[in-house]
Amino acid sequence: MTPKKVLWIEDGIYSEMRKHASPVRIELGYSLDIAESASEGLAKILTSEYDLVVVDIRLPPGEDHEWKAIQRKHLAGGGPARLGLTLLQKLLGEDPIEKPAWVDASRFAVLTIETYNNIGPAVRDLGIRVCHHKERLSEPTALLRVVKEALGEEES
């Protein structure tokens, strides 16, 4: 049986890696891919199929000039860039980009430092049902718990 594939798009990935990724790989036996920026995350989504994509809301743009321009526009407006939300809107919003057939809101979850009050309504409007604040789930099993909840594998 092929293990489920999870993509984690997280800017602090190397500091978070051992703490959060290991339980997903060890306890569930899932294949875990990692992207550190909005452009890298989008590239992986467009070239591979995932059972679940966990997205951080505050992502760096990466090397892509379009993502850098989006970041500059957001920052010029005075708020945080929230490129993870922009990525989700491009994939799941009303006017989405051309995307693979597997891309559906049910295959996305959010794990972010943003509070639910700040980001929850926008995420919910995209059809994403799993959205957690990092600080509330700061223990090493935070990513594991998000993955289990999003894939319907929570323990009773």
N, C-alpha and C. Protein backbone atom coordinates (compact mmCIF):
# COMPACT_ATOMS: atom_id res chain seq x y z
N MET A 1 0.85 -1.19 0.00
CA MET A 1 0.00 0.00 0.00
C MET A 1 0.88 1.24 0.00
N THR A 2 0.59 2.17 -0.88
CA THR A 2 1.35 3.41 -0.97
C THR A 2 0.99 4.32 0.19
N PRO A 3 1.99 4.88 0.88
CA PRO A 3 1.67 5.79 1.99
C PRO A 3 1.02 7.06 1.49
N LYS A 4 0.18 7.66 2.31
CA LYS A 4 -0.43 8.93 1.95
C LYS A 4 0.66 9.99 1.84
N LYS A 5 0.44 10.93 0.92
CA LYS A 5 1.40 12.01 0.70
C LYS A 5 0.86 13.30 1.28
N VAL A 6 1.70 13.95 2.08
CA VAL A 6 1.35 15.23 2.68
C VAL A 6 2.41 16.24 2.25
N LEU A 7 1.95 17.44 1.88
CA LEU A 7 2.85 18.55 1.61
C LEU A 7 2.66 19.56 2.72
N TRP A 8 3.76 19.98 3.33
CA TRP A 8 3.72 21.00 4.38
C TRP A 8 4.43 22.22 3.83
N ILE A 9 3.68 23.33 3.69
CA ILE A 9 4.25 24.58 3.21
C ILE A 9 4.41 25.48 4.43
N GLU A 10 5.66 25.65 4.85
CA GLU A 10 5.97 26.30 6.13
C GLU A 10 7.30 27.02 5.99
N ASP A 11 7.32 28.30 6.35
CA ASP A 11 8.55 29.08 6.19
C ASP A 11 9.62 28.77 7.23
N GLY A 12 9.24 28.35 8.40
CA GLY A 12 10.22 28.04 9.45
C GLY A 12 10.51 26.56 9.49
N ILE A 13 10.55 25.95 8.34
CA ILE A 13 10.56 24.49 8.24
C ILE A 13 11.73 23.84 8.94
N TYR A 14 12.92 24.39 8.82
CA TYR A 14 14.07 23.70 9.42
C TYR A 14 14.03 23.75 10.94
N SER A 15 13.55 24.84 11.50
CA SER A 15 13.43 24.89 12.95
C SER A 15 12.26 24.03 13.44
N GLU A 16 11.26 23.85 12.60
CA GLU A 16 10.07 23.09 12.97
C GLU A 16 10.18 21.61 12.59
N MET A 17 11.07 21.29 11.66
CA MET A 17 11.12 19.97 11.04
C MET A 17 11.14 18.81 12.02
N ARG A 18 12.18 18.72 12.81
CA ARG A 18 12.29 17.56 13.72
C ARG A 18 11.13 17.51 14.69
N LYS A 19 10.78 18.66 15.21
CA LYS A 19 9.74 18.74 16.22
C LYS A 19 8.38 18.25 15.70
N HIS A 20 8.00 18.68 14.51
CA HIS A 20 6.65 18.40 14.00
C HIS A 20 6.57 17.34 12.91
N ALA A 21 7.57 17.25 12.07
CA ALA A 21 7.48 16.33 10.93
C ALA A 21 7.69 14.88 11.31
N SER A 22 8.56 14.63 12.25
CA SER A 22 8.87 13.24 12.63
C SER A 22 7.64 12.44 13.04
N PRO A 23 6.74 12.97 13.88
CA PRO A 23 5.55 12.17 14.24
C PRO A 23 4.68 11.79 13.04
N VAL A 24 4.61 12.67 12.02
CA VAL A 24 3.81 12.36 10.84
C VAL A 24 4.43 11.20 10.09
N ARG A 25 5.75 11.22 9.98
CA ARG A 25 6.45 10.15 9.27
C ARG A 25 6.47 8.86 10.07
N ILE A 26 6.75 8.95 11.35
CA ILE A 26 6.93 7.75 12.18
C ILE A 26 5.60 7.14 12.59
N GLU A 27 4.71 7.93 13.21
CA GLU A 27 3.46 7.37 13.72
C GLU A 27 2.50 6.95 12.60
N LEU A 28 2.39 7.79 11.57
CA LEU A 28 1.44 7.50 10.49
C LEU A 28 2.09 6.80 9.30
N GLY A 29 3.40 6.92 9.17
CA GLY A 29 4.09 6.32 8.03
C GLY A 29 3.82 7.04 6.73
N TYR A 30 3.45 8.32 6.81
CA TYR A 30 3.14 9.10 5.63
C TYR A 30 4.40 9.63 4.97
N SER A 31 4.31 9.86 3.69
CA SER A 31 5.36 10.54 2.94
C SER A 31 5.12 12.04 3.13
N LEU A 32 6.14 12.76 3.57
CA LEU A 32 5.99 14.19 3.85
C LEU A 32 6.94 14.99 2.98
N ASP A 33 6.37 15.78 2.08
CA ASP A 33 7.16 16.72 1.27
C ASP A 33 7.09 18.07 1.95
N ILE A 34 8.09 18.89 1.68
CA ILE A 34 8.20 20.18 2.33
C ILE A 34 8.47 21.26 1.29
N ALA A 35 7.82 22.41 1.47
CA ALA A 35 8.09 23.60 0.66
C ALA A 35 8.27 24.77 1.63
N GLU A 36 9.22 25.65 1.33
CA GLU A 36 9.53 26.76 2.23
C GLU A 36 8.97 28.10 1.79
N SER A 37 8.29 28.15 0.65
CA SER A 37 7.79 29.44 0.15
C SER A 37 6.52 29.22 -0.66
N ALA A 38 5.85 30.33 -0.96
CA ALA A 38 4.63 30.25 -1.77
C ALA A 38 4.93 29.71 -3.16
N SER A 39 6.00 30.19 -3.78
CA SER A 39 6.31 29.73 -5.13
C SER A 39 6.71 28.26 -5.16
N GLU A 40 7.48 27.80 -4.17
CA GLU A 40 7.87 26.40 -4.11
C GLU A 40 6.65 25.52 -3.83
N GLY A 41 5.78 25.98 -2.94
CA GLY A 41 4.57 25.22 -2.64
C GLY A 41 3.67 25.07 -3.85
N LEU A 42 3.46 26.17 -4.58
CA LEU A 42 2.62 26.10 -5.78
C LEU A 42 3.23 25.16 -6.82
N ALA A 43 4.54 25.23 -7.00
CA ALA A 43 5.21 24.35 -7.97
C ALA A 43 4.99 22.89 -7.62
N LYS A 44 5.09 22.55 -6.34
CA LYS A 44 4.88 21.15 -5.92
C LYS A 44 3.43 20.73 -6.13
N ILE A 45 2.50 21.62 -5.83
CA ILE A 45 1.08 21.31 -6.02
C ILE A 45 0.76 21.08 -7.49
N LEU A 46 1.38 21.85 -8.36
CA LEU A 46 1.12 21.73 -9.79
C LEU A 46 1.78 20.52 -10.44
N THR A 47 2.75 19.91 -9.74
CA THR A 47 3.48 18.79 -10.34
C THR A 47 3.30 17.45 -9.64
N SER A 48 2.70 17.44 -8.45
CA SER A 48 2.49 16.19 -7.71
C SER A 48 1.11 16.20 -7.07
N GLU A 49 0.58 15.02 -6.85
CA GLU A 49 -0.71 14.91 -6.17
C GLU A 49 -0.48 14.61 -4.70
N TYR A 50 -1.26 15.26 -3.84
CA TYR A 50 -1.14 15.07 -2.40
C TYR A 50 -2.50 14.71 -1.81
N ASP A 51 -2.46 13.88 -0.78
CA ASP A 51 -3.68 13.59 -0.04
C ASP A 51 -4.07 14.77 0.83
N LEU A 52 -3.05 15.54 1.26
CA LEU A 52 -3.28 16.70 2.10
C LEU A 52 -2.15 17.71 1.91
N VAL A 53 -2.51 19.00 1.91
CA VAL A 53 -1.54 20.09 1.88
C VAL A 53 -1.82 20.95 3.11
N VAL A 54 -0.83 21.10 3.98
CA VAL A 54 -0.94 21.93 5.17
C VAL A 54 -0.18 23.22 4.89
N VAL A 55 -0.88 24.35 5.00
CA VAL A 55 -0.32 25.64 4.59
C VAL A 55 -0.20 26.58 5.78
N ASP A 56 0.96 27.23 5.89
CA ASP A 56 1.15 28.34 6.81
C ASP A 56 0.65 29.59 6.07
N ILE A 57 0.05 30.52 6.76
CA ILE A 57 -0.49 31.71 6.11
C ILE A 57 0.60 32.73 5.80
N ARG A 58 1.58 32.88 6.68
CA ARG A 58 2.65 33.85 6.46
C ARG A 58 3.85 33.15 5.84
N LEU A 59 3.93 33.21 4.52
CA LEU A 59 5.00 32.56 3.77
C LEU A 59 5.84 33.60 3.05
N PRO A 60 7.12 33.32 2.85
CA PRO A 60 7.92 34.18 1.98
C PRO A 60 7.55 33.87 0.53
N PRO A 61 7.88 34.78 -0.38
CA PRO A 61 7.50 34.56 -1.78
C PRO A 61 8.33 33.51 -2.50
N GLY A 62 9.56 33.30 -2.08
CA GLY A 62 10.45 32.42 -2.84
C GLY A 62 11.10 33.21 -3.95
N GLU A 63 11.57 32.52 -4.96
CA GLU A 63 12.33 33.15 -6.04
C GLU A 63 11.48 33.71 -7.17
N ASP A 64 10.21 33.34 -7.24
CA ASP A 64 9.35 33.75 -8.34
C ASP A 64 9.04 35.25 -8.26
N HIS A 65 9.24 35.95 -9.38
CA HIS A 65 9.03 37.41 -9.41
C HIS A 65 7.57 37.80 -9.18
N GLU A 66 6.64 36.97 -9.67
CA GLU A 66 5.22 37.27 -9.45
C GLU A 66 4.88 37.25 -7.95
N TRP A 67 5.40 36.24 -7.24
CA TRP A 67 5.15 36.16 -5.80
C TRP A 67 5.81 37.31 -5.05
N LYS A 68 6.99 37.71 -5.50
CA LYS A 68 7.66 38.87 -4.88
C LYS A 68 6.84 40.14 -5.08
N ALA A 69 6.24 40.29 -6.26
CA ALA A 69 5.40 41.46 -6.53
C ALA A 69 4.14 41.44 -5.66
N ILE A 70 3.55 40.26 -5.49
CA ILE A 70 2.37 40.13 -4.62
C ILE A 70 2.73 40.52 -3.19
N GLN A 71 3.89 40.05 -2.72
CA GLN A 71 4.33 40.39 -1.38
C GLN A 71 4.52 41.90 -1.23
N ARG A 72 5.18 42.54 -2.19
CA ARG A 72 5.39 43.99 -2.13
C ARG A 72 4.06 44.73 -2.07
N LYS A 73 3.09 44.29 -2.85
CA LYS A 73 1.77 44.92 -2.87
C LYS A 73 1.10 44.81 -1.50
N HIS A 74 1.14 43.63 -0.91
CA HIS A 74 0.55 43.44 0.42
C HIS A 74 1.24 44.31 1.46
N LEU A 75 2.55 44.30 1.46
CA LEU A 75 3.31 45.06 2.45
C LEU A 75 3.10 46.56 2.28
N ALA A 76 2.95 47.02 1.04
CA ALA A 76 2.69 48.44 0.79
C ALA A 76 1.35 48.86 1.39
N GLY A 77 0.43 47.90 1.51
CA GLY A 77 -0.87 48.17 2.10
C GLY A 77 -0.83 48.26 3.62
N GLY A 78 0.32 47.96 4.20
CA GLY A 78 0.48 48.11 5.64
C GLY A 78 0.23 46.87 6.47
N GLY A 79 -0.21 45.79 5.86
CA GLY A 79 -0.48 44.58 6.63
C GLY A 79 0.52 43.49 6.33
N PRO A 80 0.38 42.35 7.00
CA PRO A 80 1.26 41.22 6.70
C PRO A 80 0.95 40.67 5.32
N ALA A 81 1.94 40.08 4.70
CA ALA A 81 1.79 39.60 3.32
C ALA A 81 0.77 38.48 3.19
N ARG A 82 0.74 37.54 4.11
CA ARG A 82 -0.22 36.43 4.06
C ARG A 82 -0.23 35.73 2.70
N LEU A 83 0.95 35.39 2.21
CA LEU A 83 1.05 34.74 0.91
C LEU A 83 0.46 33.34 0.91
N GLY A 84 0.39 32.71 2.07
CA GLY A 84 -0.27 31.41 2.15
C GLY A 84 -1.75 31.53 1.83
N LEU A 85 -2.38 32.59 2.31
CA LEU A 85 -3.78 32.82 1.99
C LEU A 85 -3.94 33.13 0.51
N THR A 86 -3.04 33.92 -0.05
CA THR A 86 -3.08 34.22 -1.48
C THR A 86 -2.95 32.93 -2.29
N LEU A 87 -2.04 32.05 -1.88
CA LEU A 87 -1.87 30.76 -2.54
C LEU A 87 -3.18 29.97 -2.51
N LEU A 88 -3.80 29.90 -1.34
CA LEU A 88 -5.07 29.17 -1.21
C LEU A 88 -6.16 29.80 -2.07
N GLN A 89 -6.19 31.12 -2.13
CA GLN A 89 -7.19 31.79 -2.95
C GLN A 89 -6.96 31.52 -4.44
N LYS A 90 -5.70 31.47 -4.86
CA LYS A 90 -5.39 31.15 -6.26
C LYS A 90 -5.85 29.74 -6.61
N LEU A 91 -5.74 28.82 -5.67
CA LEU A 91 -6.09 27.42 -5.92
C LEU A 91 -7.57 27.12 -5.72
N LEU A 92 -8.21 27.81 -4.77
CA LEU A 92 -9.57 27.43 -4.37
C LEU A 92 -10.60 28.54 -4.50
N GLY A 93 -10.17 29.75 -4.82
CA GLY A 93 -11.07 30.89 -4.87
C GLY A 93 -11.98 30.88 -6.07
N GLU A 94 -12.76 31.96 -6.19
CA GLU A 94 -13.75 32.07 -7.27
C GLU A 94 -13.12 32.11 -8.65
N ASP A 95 -11.94 32.69 -8.75
CA ASP A 95 -11.26 32.79 -10.04
C ASP A 95 -9.90 32.09 -9.95
N PRO A 96 -9.92 30.77 -9.71
CA PRO A 96 -8.66 30.07 -9.48
C PRO A 96 -7.81 29.94 -10.74
N ILE A 97 -6.54 29.72 -10.55
CA ILE A 97 -5.62 29.45 -11.65
C ILE A 97 -5.92 28.05 -12.20
N GLU A 98 -5.36 27.76 -13.35
CA GLU A 98 -5.49 26.40 -13.87
C GLU A 98 -4.74 25.48 -12.92
N LYS A 99 -5.40 24.44 -12.50
CA LYS A 99 -4.82 23.57 -11.47
C LYS A 99 -5.12 22.12 -11.76
N PRO A 100 -4.42 21.22 -11.09
CA PRO A 100 -4.69 19.79 -11.26
C PRO A 100 -6.09 19.42 -10.75
N ALA A 101 -6.65 18.37 -11.29
CA ALA A 101 -8.00 17.93 -10.92
C ALA A 101 -8.11 17.53 -9.45
N TRP A 102 -7.02 17.09 -8.83
CA TRP A 102 -7.08 16.63 -7.44
C TRP A 102 -7.25 17.78 -6.45
N VAL A 103 -6.96 18.99 -6.85
CA VAL A 103 -7.00 20.15 -5.94
C VAL A 103 -8.44 20.45 -5.56
N ASP A 104 -8.72 20.32 -4.27
CA ASP A 104 -10.05 20.53 -3.71
C ASP A 104 -9.88 20.99 -2.27
N ALA A 105 -10.78 21.80 -1.76
CA ALA A 105 -10.65 22.34 -0.41
C ALA A 105 -10.52 21.24 0.65
N SER A 106 -11.11 20.08 0.39
CA SER A 106 -11.03 18.99 1.37
C SER A 106 -9.62 18.46 1.56
N ARG A 107 -8.72 18.79 0.65
CA ARG A 107 -7.33 18.32 0.74
C ARG A 107 -6.39 19.40 1.28
N PHE A 108 -6.94 20.44 1.88
CA PHE A 108 -6.11 21.51 2.42
C PHE A 108 -6.46 21.77 3.88
N ALA A 109 -5.44 22.14 4.65
CA ALA A 109 -5.59 22.53 6.04
C ALA A 109 -4.63 23.68 6.29
N VAL A 110 -4.87 24.41 7.38
CA VAL A 110 -4.04 25.55 7.73
C VAL A 110 -3.50 25.37 9.13
N LEU A 111 -2.19 25.62 9.28
CA LEU A 111 -1.52 25.65 10.59
C LEU A 111 -0.68 26.93 10.57
N THR A 112 -1.08 27.92 11.36
CA THR A 112 -0.50 29.25 11.25
C THR A 112 -0.41 29.98 12.58
N ILE A 113 0.42 31.00 12.61
CA ILE A 113 0.51 31.87 13.77
C ILE A 113 -0.65 32.86 13.82
N GLU A 114 -1.31 33.04 12.69
CA GLU A 114 -2.48 33.94 12.63
C GLU A 114 -3.59 33.39 13.53
N THR A 115 -4.30 34.27 14.19
CA THR A 115 -5.42 33.82 15.01
C THR A 115 -6.61 33.48 14.14
N TYR A 116 -7.47 32.64 14.64
CA TYR A 116 -8.65 32.25 13.88
C TYR A 116 -9.52 33.47 13.58
N ASN A 117 -9.60 34.42 14.52
CA ASN A 117 -10.39 35.63 14.28
C ASN A 117 -9.88 36.41 13.09
N ASN A 118 -8.56 36.41 12.87
CA ASN A 118 -7.97 37.14 11.75
C ASN A 118 -8.09 36.40 10.42
N ILE A 119 -7.97 35.10 10.45
CA ILE A 119 -7.85 34.34 9.20
C ILE A 119 -8.98 33.34 8.98
N GLY A 120 -9.65 32.93 10.04
CA GLY A 120 -10.67 31.89 9.96
C GLY A 120 -11.77 32.12 8.93
N PRO A 121 -12.38 33.30 8.92
CA PRO A 121 -13.46 33.52 7.95
C PRO A 121 -13.00 33.37 6.49
N ALA A 122 -11.82 33.89 6.17
CA ALA A 122 -11.31 33.79 4.79
C ALA A 122 -11.03 32.33 4.43
N VAL A 123 -10.48 31.58 5.38
CA VAL A 123 -10.18 30.17 5.15
C VAL A 123 -11.48 29.37 5.01
N ARG A 124 -12.41 29.64 5.88
CA ARG A 124 -13.71 28.96 5.83
C ARG A 124 -14.44 29.26 4.52
N ASP A 125 -14.36 30.49 4.04
CA ASP A 125 -15.00 30.86 2.77
C ASP A 125 -14.44 30.08 1.59
N LEU A 126 -13.20 29.62 1.71
CA LEU A 126 -12.58 28.81 0.65
C LEU A 126 -12.97 27.34 0.75
N GLY A 127 -13.68 26.98 1.84
CA GLY A 127 -14.12 25.60 2.01
C GLY A 127 -13.18 24.75 2.84
N ILE A 128 -12.16 25.36 3.41
CA ILE A 128 -11.20 24.62 4.24
C ILE A 128 -11.77 24.51 5.64
N ARG A 129 -11.87 23.28 6.13
CA ARG A 129 -12.51 23.08 7.44
C ARG A 129 -11.54 22.96 8.61
N VAL A 130 -10.26 22.70 8.35
CA VAL A 130 -9.28 22.54 9.42
C VAL A 130 -8.32 23.72 9.40
N CYS A 131 -8.38 24.51 10.47
CA CYS A 131 -7.54 25.70 10.59
C CYS A 131 -7.15 25.84 12.06
N HIS A 132 -5.84 25.71 12.34
CA HIS A 132 -5.37 25.79 13.73
C HIS A 132 -4.28 26.82 13.90
N HIS A 133 -4.27 27.41 15.07
CA HIS A 133 -3.27 28.39 15.47
C HIS A 133 -2.06 27.64 16.02
N LYS A 134 -0.86 27.99 15.56
CA LYS A 134 0.36 27.28 15.98
C LYS A 134 0.58 27.32 17.49
N GLU A 135 0.40 28.44 18.11
CA GLU A 135 0.70 28.54 19.53
C GLU A 135 -0.22 27.69 20.38
N ARG A 136 -1.45 27.50 19.94
CA ARG A 136 -2.36 26.61 20.67
C ARG A 136 -1.95 25.16 20.51
N LEU A 137 -1.25 24.86 19.44
CA LEU A 137 -0.81 23.50 19.17
C LEU A 137 0.71 23.47 19.09
N SER A 138 1.37 24.03 20.11
CA SER A 138 2.83 24.17 20.04
C SER A 138 3.59 22.89 20.39
N GLU A 139 2.90 21.89 20.88
CA GLU A 139 3.59 20.64 21.22
C GLU A 139 4.06 19.93 19.95
N PRO A 140 4.99 18.99 20.08
CA PRO A 140 5.56 18.30 18.91
C PRO A 140 4.54 17.59 18.03
N THR A 141 3.37 17.31 18.55
CA THR A 141 2.37 16.60 17.75
C THR A 141 1.40 17.54 17.03
N ALA A 142 1.70 18.84 16.97
CA ALA A 142 0.78 19.80 16.35
C ALA A 142 0.47 19.45 14.90
N LEU A 143 1.50 19.23 14.10
CA LEU A 143 1.28 18.89 12.70
C LEU A 143 0.56 17.55 12.59
N LEU A 144 0.96 16.59 13.40
CA LEU A 144 0.32 15.28 13.41
C LEU A 144 -1.17 15.41 13.68
N ARG A 145 -1.53 16.22 14.65
CA ARG A 145 -2.95 16.40 15.00
C ARG A 145 -3.73 17.06 13.87
N VAL A 146 -3.12 18.04 13.20
CA VAL A 146 -3.77 18.69 12.06
C VAL A 146 -3.97 17.69 10.93
N VAL A 147 -2.94 16.91 10.64
CA VAL A 147 -3.03 15.90 9.57
C VAL A 147 -4.12 14.89 9.89
N LYS A 148 -4.12 14.37 11.10
CA LYS A 148 -5.15 13.39 11.49
C LYS A 148 -6.56 13.96 11.38
N GLU A 149 -6.74 15.20 11.86
CA GLU A 149 -8.06 15.81 11.79
C GLU A 149 -8.48 16.03 10.34
N ALA A 150 -7.60 16.56 9.53
CA ALA A 150 -7.94 16.86 8.14
C ALA A 150 -8.23 15.60 7.33
N LEU A 151 -7.55 14.51 7.64
CA LEU A 151 -7.76 13.25 6.92
C LEU A 151 -8.78 12.34 7.61
N GLY A 152 -9.42 12.86 8.68
CA GLY A 152 -10.45 12.10 9.36
C GLY A 152 -9.92 10.90 10.12
N GLU A 153 -8.72 11.03 10.66
CA GLU A 153 -8.10 9.91 11.36
C GLU A 153 -7.83 10.22 12.83
N GLU A 154 -8.62 11.12 13.41
CA GLU A 154 -8.43 11.44 14.82
C GLU A 154 -8.69 10.22 15.67
N GLU A 155 -8.00 10.19 16.79
CA GLU A 155 -8.23 9.11 17.74
C GLU A 155 -9.48 9.44 18.54
N SER A 156 -10.23 8.43 18.90
CA SER A 156 -11.45 8.63 19.69
C SER A 156 -11.12 8.94 21.13
